[in-house]
C-alpha cells in the first residue's frame, strides 16, 4: 500500500514538473544544465585539480576520484538490479522524453549522483561555495525530470547515492 502511494506520488509529481517543460526556454535551459553534469567533465575537473594543485585541490581532487570510484560501480549495480523503466516507458500514452537517455533504466539518476558527489566535496573543502554547488546539483536533478528521463524518486536516490559515496570516501580515504 505504501509503495503504491509512493509510486503514485512519484508519477504525479513527475507529470506536474514535466508539463512545465514544454516551452523552448525550459527545454534549452534543462538541456544545457544537464550537459554540465555529463560524466567526462567530472573526470576532467578532478584531473585538472590534481595537476594544478590549487590550495586544497590535491585532497579535493583525490576525494572526487575516490568518490566517483565508489559511486559509479554502485550506480551501475543499482540501475541494472532495480531495472526501473524510464518515465516515457511507463507513461508513454502521456509523455515523450525531450532527449534520448544514454541507457534503458531510470533509478538512480546518474547525472544527479555525480552532481551530488561534486556538491558534497565542495561542502567539505570549500564550504563558502556549498550553497552554489548545492543549487547547481539540485538544478541538475530537476533538469533530468524536465527532460523527461527521470522520476523525482530517481533524482532523490541519485542525490543520496552521490552524497553518501562522497561522505564514505572522505571518512575512509582522506
C-alpha atoms as a PDB file:
ATOM      1  CA  UNK A   1       0.000   0.000   0.000  1.00  0.00           C
ATOM      2  CA  UNK A   2       2.754   2.447   0.953  1.00  0.00           C
ATOM      3  CA  UNK A   3       4.786   1.559  -2.150  1.00  0.00           C
ATOM      4  CA  UNK A   4       1.753   2.082  -4.367  1.00  0.00           C
ATOM      5  CA  UNK A   5       1.116   5.525  -2.845  1.00  0.00           C
ATOM      6  CA  UNK A   6       4.781   6.423  -3.239  1.00  0.00           C
ATOM      7  CA  UNK A   7       4.671   5.371  -6.891  1.00  0.00           C
ATOM      8  CA  UNK A   8       1.509   7.430  -7.448  1.00  0.00           C
ATOM      9  CA  UNK A   9       3.129  10.479  -5.827  1.00  0.00           C
ATOM     10  CA  UNK A  10       6.255   9.967  -7.935  1.00  0.00           C
ATOM     11  CA  UNK A  11       4.326   9.757 -11.208  1.00  0.00           C
ATOM     12  CA  UNK A  12       2.010  12.662 -10.350  1.00  0.00           C
ATOM     13  CA  UNK A  13       4.963  14.840  -9.310  1.00  0.00           C
ATOM     14  CA  UNK A  14       6.801  13.932 -12.489  1.00  0.00           C
ATOM     15  CA  UNK A  15       3.775  14.882 -14.614  1.00  0.00           C
ATOM     16  CA  UNK A  16       3.358  18.235 -12.839  1.00  0.00           C
ATOM     17  CA  UNK A  17       7.007  19.129 -13.376  1.00  0.00           C
ATOM     18  CA  UNK A  18       7.358  17.711 -16.864  1.00  0.00           C
ATOM     19  CA  UNK A  19       4.265  19.585 -18.083  1.00  0.00           C
ATOM     20  CA  UNK A  20       6.135  22.820 -17.360  1.00  0.00           C
ATOM     21  CA  UNK A  21       8.992  21.856 -19.660  1.00  0.00           C
ATOM     22  CA  UNK A  22       7.189  22.381 -22.940  1.00  0.00           C
ATOM     23  CA  UNK A  23       8.490  25.896 -23.566  1.00  0.00           C
ATOM     24  CA  UNK A  24      11.620  26.284 -25.674  1.00  0.00           C
ATOM     25  CA  UNK A  25      13.301  28.225 -22.851  1.00  0.00           C
ATOM     26  CA  UNK A  26      12.708  25.456 -20.281  1.00  0.00           C
ATOM     27  CA  UNK A  27      13.891  22.757 -22.674  1.00  0.00           C
ATOM     28  CA  UNK A  28      17.038  24.658 -23.657  1.00  0.00           C
ATOM     29  CA  UNK A  29      17.864  25.545 -20.058  1.00  0.00           C
ATOM     30  CA  UNK A  30      17.309  21.976 -18.860  1.00  0.00           C
ATOM     31  CA  UNK A  31      19.283  20.519 -21.742  1.00  0.00           C
ATOM     32  CA  UNK A  32      22.393  22.653 -21.260  1.00  0.00           C
ATOM     33  CA  UNK A  33      22.242  22.471 -17.489  1.00  0.00           C
ATOM     34  CA  UNK A  34      22.063  18.687 -17.707  1.00  0.00           C
ATOM     35  CA  UNK A  35      25.091  18.720 -20.031  1.00  0.00           C
ATOM     36  CA  UNK A  36      27.176  20.312 -17.249  1.00  0.00           C
ATOM     37  CA  UNK A  37      26.748  17.043 -15.326  1.00  0.00           C
ATOM     38  CA  UNK A  38      27.936  14.682 -18.049  1.00  0.00           C
ATOM     39  CA  UNK A  39      30.429  12.164 -16.652  1.00  0.00           C
ATOM     40  CA  UNK A  40      33.596  13.047 -18.596  1.00  0.00           C
ATOM     41  CA  UNK A  41      33.506  16.620 -17.279  1.00  0.00           C
ATOM     42  CA  UNK A  42      33.875  15.327 -13.710  1.00  0.00           C
ATOM     43  CA  UNK A  43      36.937  13.313 -14.572  1.00  0.00           C
ATOM     44  CA  UNK A  44      38.415  16.338 -16.304  1.00  0.00           C
ATOM     45  CA  UNK A  45      37.715  18.523 -13.235  1.00  0.00           C
ATOM     46  CA  UNK A  46      39.355  16.048 -10.846  1.00  0.00           C
ATOM     47  CA  UNK A  47      42.374  15.600 -13.108  1.00  0.00           C
ATOM     48  CA  UNK A  48      42.817  19.363 -13.567  1.00  0.00           C
ATOM     49  CA  UNK A  49      42.709  19.926  -9.811  1.00  0.00           C
ATOM     50  CA  UNK A  50      45.292  17.220  -9.201  1.00  0.00           C
ATOM     51  CA  UNK A  51      47.620  18.682 -11.843  1.00  0.00           C
ATOM     52  CA  UNK A  52      47.181  22.308 -10.773  1.00  0.00           C
ATOM     53  CA  UNK A  53      47.336  21.539  -7.024  1.00  0.00           C
ATOM     54  CA  UNK A  54      45.331  24.638  -6.143  1.00  0.00           C
ATOM     55  CA  UNK A  55      45.051  25.228  -2.366  1.00  0.00           C
ATOM     56  CA  UNK A  56      43.244  22.117  -1.053  1.00  0.00           C
ATOM     57  CA  UNK A  57      42.912  20.781  -4.577  1.00  0.00           C
ATOM     58  CA  UNK A  58      45.089  17.671  -4.203  1.00  0.00           C
ATOM     59  CA  UNK A  59      42.827  16.377  -1.436  1.00  0.00           C
ATOM     60  CA  UNK A  60      39.747  17.744  -3.181  1.00  0.00           C
ATOM     61  CA  UNK A  61      40.716  16.067  -6.437  1.00  0.00           C
ATOM     62  CA  UNK A  62      41.512  12.828  -4.608  1.00  0.00           C
ATOM     63  CA  UNK A  63      38.168  12.964  -2.857  1.00  0.00           C
ATOM     64  CA  UNK A  64      36.416  13.365  -6.218  1.00  0.00           C
ATOM     65  CA  UNK A  65      38.322  10.430  -7.702  1.00  0.00           C
ATOM     66  CA  UNK A  66      37.665   8.152  -4.697  1.00  0.00           C
ATOM     67  CA  UNK A  67      34.025   9.206  -4.555  1.00  0.00           C
ATOM     68  CA  UNK A  68      33.422   8.559  -8.238  1.00  0.00           C
ATOM     69  CA  UNK A  69      35.313   5.257  -7.968  1.00  0.00           C
ATOM     70  CA  UNK A  70      32.738   4.233  -5.349  1.00  0.00           C
ATOM     71  CA  UNK A  71      29.671   5.926  -6.868  1.00  0.00           C
ATOM     72  CA  UNK A  72      29.974   4.674 -10.441  1.00  0.00           C
ATOM     73  CA  UNK A  73      30.005   0.914  -9.741  1.00  0.00           C
ATOM     74  CA  UNK A  74      27.220   1.307  -7.160  1.00  0.00           C
ATOM     75  CA  UNK A  75      25.187   3.356  -9.627  1.00  0.00           C
ATOM     76  CA  UNK A  76      25.590   0.701 -12.334  1.00  0.00           C
ATOM     77  CA  UNK A  77      24.825  -2.118  -9.912  1.00  0.00           C
ATOM     78  CA  UNK A  78      21.676  -0.418  -8.603  1.00  0.00           C
ATOM     79  CA  UNK A  79      20.435   0.652 -12.017  1.00  0.00           C
ATOM     80  CA  UNK A  80      20.827  -2.816 -13.511  1.00  0.00           C
ATOM     81  CA  UNK A  81      19.493  -4.620 -10.431  1.00  0.00           C
ATOM     82  CA  UNK A  82      16.395  -2.444  -9.954  1.00  0.00           C
ATOM     83  CA  UNK A  83      15.646  -2.033 -13.678  1.00  0.00           C
ATOM     84  CA  UNK A  84      13.070   0.689 -13.169  1.00  0.00           C
ATOM     85  CA  UNK A  85      11.626   1.806 -16.506  1.00  0.00           C
ATOM     86  CA  UNK A  86      12.028   5.417 -17.563  1.00  0.00           C
ATOM     87  CA  UNK A  87       9.036   7.798 -17.457  1.00  0.00           C
ATOM     88  CA  UNK A  88       8.441   7.591 -21.215  1.00  0.00           C
ATOM     89  CA  UNK A  89       8.187   3.808 -20.929  1.00  0.00           C
ATOM     90  CA  UNK A  90       5.744   3.953 -18.002  1.00  0.00           C
ATOM     91  CA  UNK A  91       3.681   6.929 -19.160  1.00  0.00           C
ATOM     92  CA  UNK A  92       4.064   6.505 -22.922  1.00  0.00           C
ATOM     93  CA  UNK A  93       0.435   7.444 -23.562  1.00  0.00           C
ATOM     94  CA  UNK A  94       1.008  10.853 -21.949  1.00  0.00           C
ATOM     95  CA  UNK A  95       4.621  11.915 -22.430  1.00  0.00           C
ATOM     96  CA  UNK A  96       7.608  11.686 -24.727  1.00  0.00           C
ATOM     97  CA  UNK A  97      11.039  12.488 -23.336  1.00  0.00           C
ATOM     98  CA  UNK A  98      12.774  15.541 -24.788  1.00  0.00           C
ATOM     99  CA  UNK A  99      16.065  13.640 -25.138  1.00  0.00           C
ATOM    100  CA  UNK A 100      17.150  10.060 -25.714  1.00  0.00           C
ATOM    101  CA  UNK A 101      18.669   8.722 -22.484  1.00  0.00           C
ATOM    102  CA  UNK A 102      22.045   7.018 -22.606  1.00  0.00           C
ATOM    103  CA  UNK A 103      20.719   3.819 -21.064  1.00  0.00           C
ATOM    104  CA  UNK A 104      17.492   1.939 -20.550  1.00  0.00           C
ATOM    105  CA  UNK A 105      16.752   2.239 -16.838  1.00  0.00           C
ATOM    106  CA  UNK A 106      15.841   5.107 -14.570  1.00  0.00           C
ATOM    107  CA  UNK A 107      16.761   4.513 -10.904  1.00  0.00           C
ATOM    108  CA  UNK A 108      19.014   6.097  -9.677  1.00  0.00           C
ATOM    109  CA  UNK A 109      19.770   9.225 -11.692  1.00  0.00           C
ATOM    110  CA  UNK A 110      23.460   9.085 -12.578  1.00  0.00           C
ATOM    111  CA  UNK A 111      23.657  12.774 -13.503  1.00  0.00           C
ATOM    112  CA  UNK A 112      22.217  13.691 -10.112  1.00  0.00           C
ATOM    113  CA  UNK A 113      24.504  11.267  -8.268  1.00  0.00           C
ATOM    114  CA  UNK A 114      27.540  12.796  -9.961  1.00  0.00           C
ATOM    115  CA  UNK A 115      26.383  16.330  -9.239  1.00  0.00           C
ATOM    116  CA  UNK A 116      25.943  15.489  -5.564  1.00  0.00           C
ATOM    117  CA  UNK A 117      29.396  13.907  -5.425  1.00  0.00           C
ATOM    118  CA  UNK A 118      30.794  17.269  -6.527  1.00  0.00           C
ATOM    119  CA  UNK A 119      28.467  19.341  -4.317  1.00  0.00           C
ATOM    120  CA  UNK A 120      29.317  17.287  -1.230  1.00  0.00           C
ATOM    121  CA  UNK A 121      33.054  17.524  -1.931  1.00  0.00           C
ATOM    122  CA  UNK A 122      32.672  21.285  -2.319  1.00  0.00           C
ATOM    123  CA  UNK A 123      30.794  21.409   1.001  1.00  0.00           C
ATOM    124  CA  UNK A 124      33.715  19.642   2.699  1.00  0.00           C
ATOM    125  CA  UNK A 125      36.596  21.615   1.149  1.00  0.00           C
ATOM    126  CA  UNK A 126      35.030  24.932   0.167  1.00  0.00           C
ATOM    127  CA  UNK A 127      32.030  25.480   2.482  1.00  0.00           C
ATOM    128  CA  UNK A 128      31.655  29.083   1.348  1.00  0.00           C
ATOM    129  CA  UNK A 129      30.724  27.786  -2.129  1.00  0.00           C
ATOM    130  CA  UNK A 130      28.473  24.997  -0.886  1.00  0.00           C
ATOM    131  CA  UNK A 131      25.184  26.909  -1.418  1.00  0.00           C
ATOM    132  CA  UNK A 132      26.136  27.491  -5.055  1.00  0.00           C
ATOM    133  CA  UNK A 133      27.212  23.862  -5.546  1.00  0.00           C
ATOM    134  CA  UNK A 134      24.056  22.574  -3.861  1.00  0.00           C
ATOM    135  CA  UNK A 135      21.886  24.832  -6.039  1.00  0.00           C
ATOM    136  CA  UNK A 136      23.642  23.533  -9.140  1.00  0.00           C
ATOM    137  CA  UNK A 137      23.228  19.894  -8.058  1.00  0.00           C
ATOM    138  CA  UNK A 138      19.528  20.396  -7.302  1.00  0.00           C
ATOM    139  CA  UNK A 139      19.058  22.029 -10.699  1.00  0.00           C
ATOM    140  CA  UNK A 140      20.768  19.053 -12.353  1.00  0.00           C
ATOM    141  CA  UNK A 141      18.225  16.741 -10.750  1.00  0.00           C
ATOM    142  CA  UNK A 142      15.341  18.986 -11.765  1.00  0.00           C
ATOM    143  CA  UNK A 143      16.656  19.202 -15.325  1.00  0.00           C
ATOM    144  CA  UNK A 144      16.598  15.415 -15.617  1.00  0.00           C
ATOM    145  CA  UNK A 145      12.902  15.430 -14.682  1.00  0.00           C
ATOM    146  CA  UNK A 146      12.163  18.325 -17.024  1.00  0.00           C
ATOM    147  CA  UNK A 147      13.848  16.468 -19.879  1.00  0.00           C
ATOM    148  CA  UNK A 148      11.541  13.526 -19.201  1.00  0.00           C
ATOM    149  CA  UNK A 149      14.156  10.898 -18.388  1.00  0.00           C
ATOM    150  CA  UNK A 150      13.775  10.551 -14.598  1.00  0.00           C
ATOM    151  CA  UNK A 151      11.080  10.447 -11.954  1.00  0.00           C
ATOM    152  CA  UNK A 152      11.562  12.552  -8.790  1.00  0.00           C
ATOM    153  CA  UNK A 153      12.426   9.465  -6.708  1.00  0.00           C
ATOM    154  CA  UNK A 154      15.197   8.611  -9.209  1.00  0.00           C
ATOM    155  CA  UNK A 155      16.649  12.050  -8.565  1.00  0.00           C
ATOM    156  CA  UNK A 156      16.330  11.708  -4.782  1.00  0.00           C
ATOM    157  CA  UNK A 157      18.046   8.305  -4.950  1.00  0.00           C
ATOM    158  CA  UNK A 158      20.832   9.797  -7.075  1.00  0.00           C
ATOM    159  CA  UNK A 159      21.310  12.662  -4.617  1.00  0.00           C
ATOM    160  CA  UNK A 160      21.558  10.218  -1.710  1.00  0.00           C
ATOM    161  CA  UNK A 161      23.943   7.955  -3.603  1.00  0.00           C
ATOM    162  CA  UNK A 162      26.301  10.791  -4.557  1.00  0.00           C
ATOM    163  CA  UNK A 163      26.257  12.352  -1.102  1.00  0.00           C
ATOM    164  CA  UNK A 164      26.810   9.074   0.760  1.00  0.00           C
ATOM    165  CA  UNK A 165      29.610   7.955  -1.571  1.00  0.00           C
ATOM    166  CA  UNK A 166      31.450  11.213  -1.019  1.00  0.00           C
ATOM    167  CA  UNK A 167      30.998  11.128   2.759  1.00  0.00           C
ATOM    168  CA  UNK A 168      32.161   7.497   2.895  1.00  0.00           C
ATOM    169  CA  UNK A 169      35.159   8.273   0.693  1.00  0.00           C
ATOM    170  CA  UNK A 170      36.081  11.232   2.872  1.00  0.00           C
ATOM    171  CA  UNK A 171      35.876   9.200   6.075  1.00  0.00           C
ATOM    172  CA  UNK A 172      37.736   6.192   4.649  1.00  0.00           C
ATOM    173  CA  UNK A 173      40.441   7.690   2.438  1.00  0.00           C
ATOM    174  CA  UNK A 174      41.091  11.327   3.177  1.00  0.00           C
END
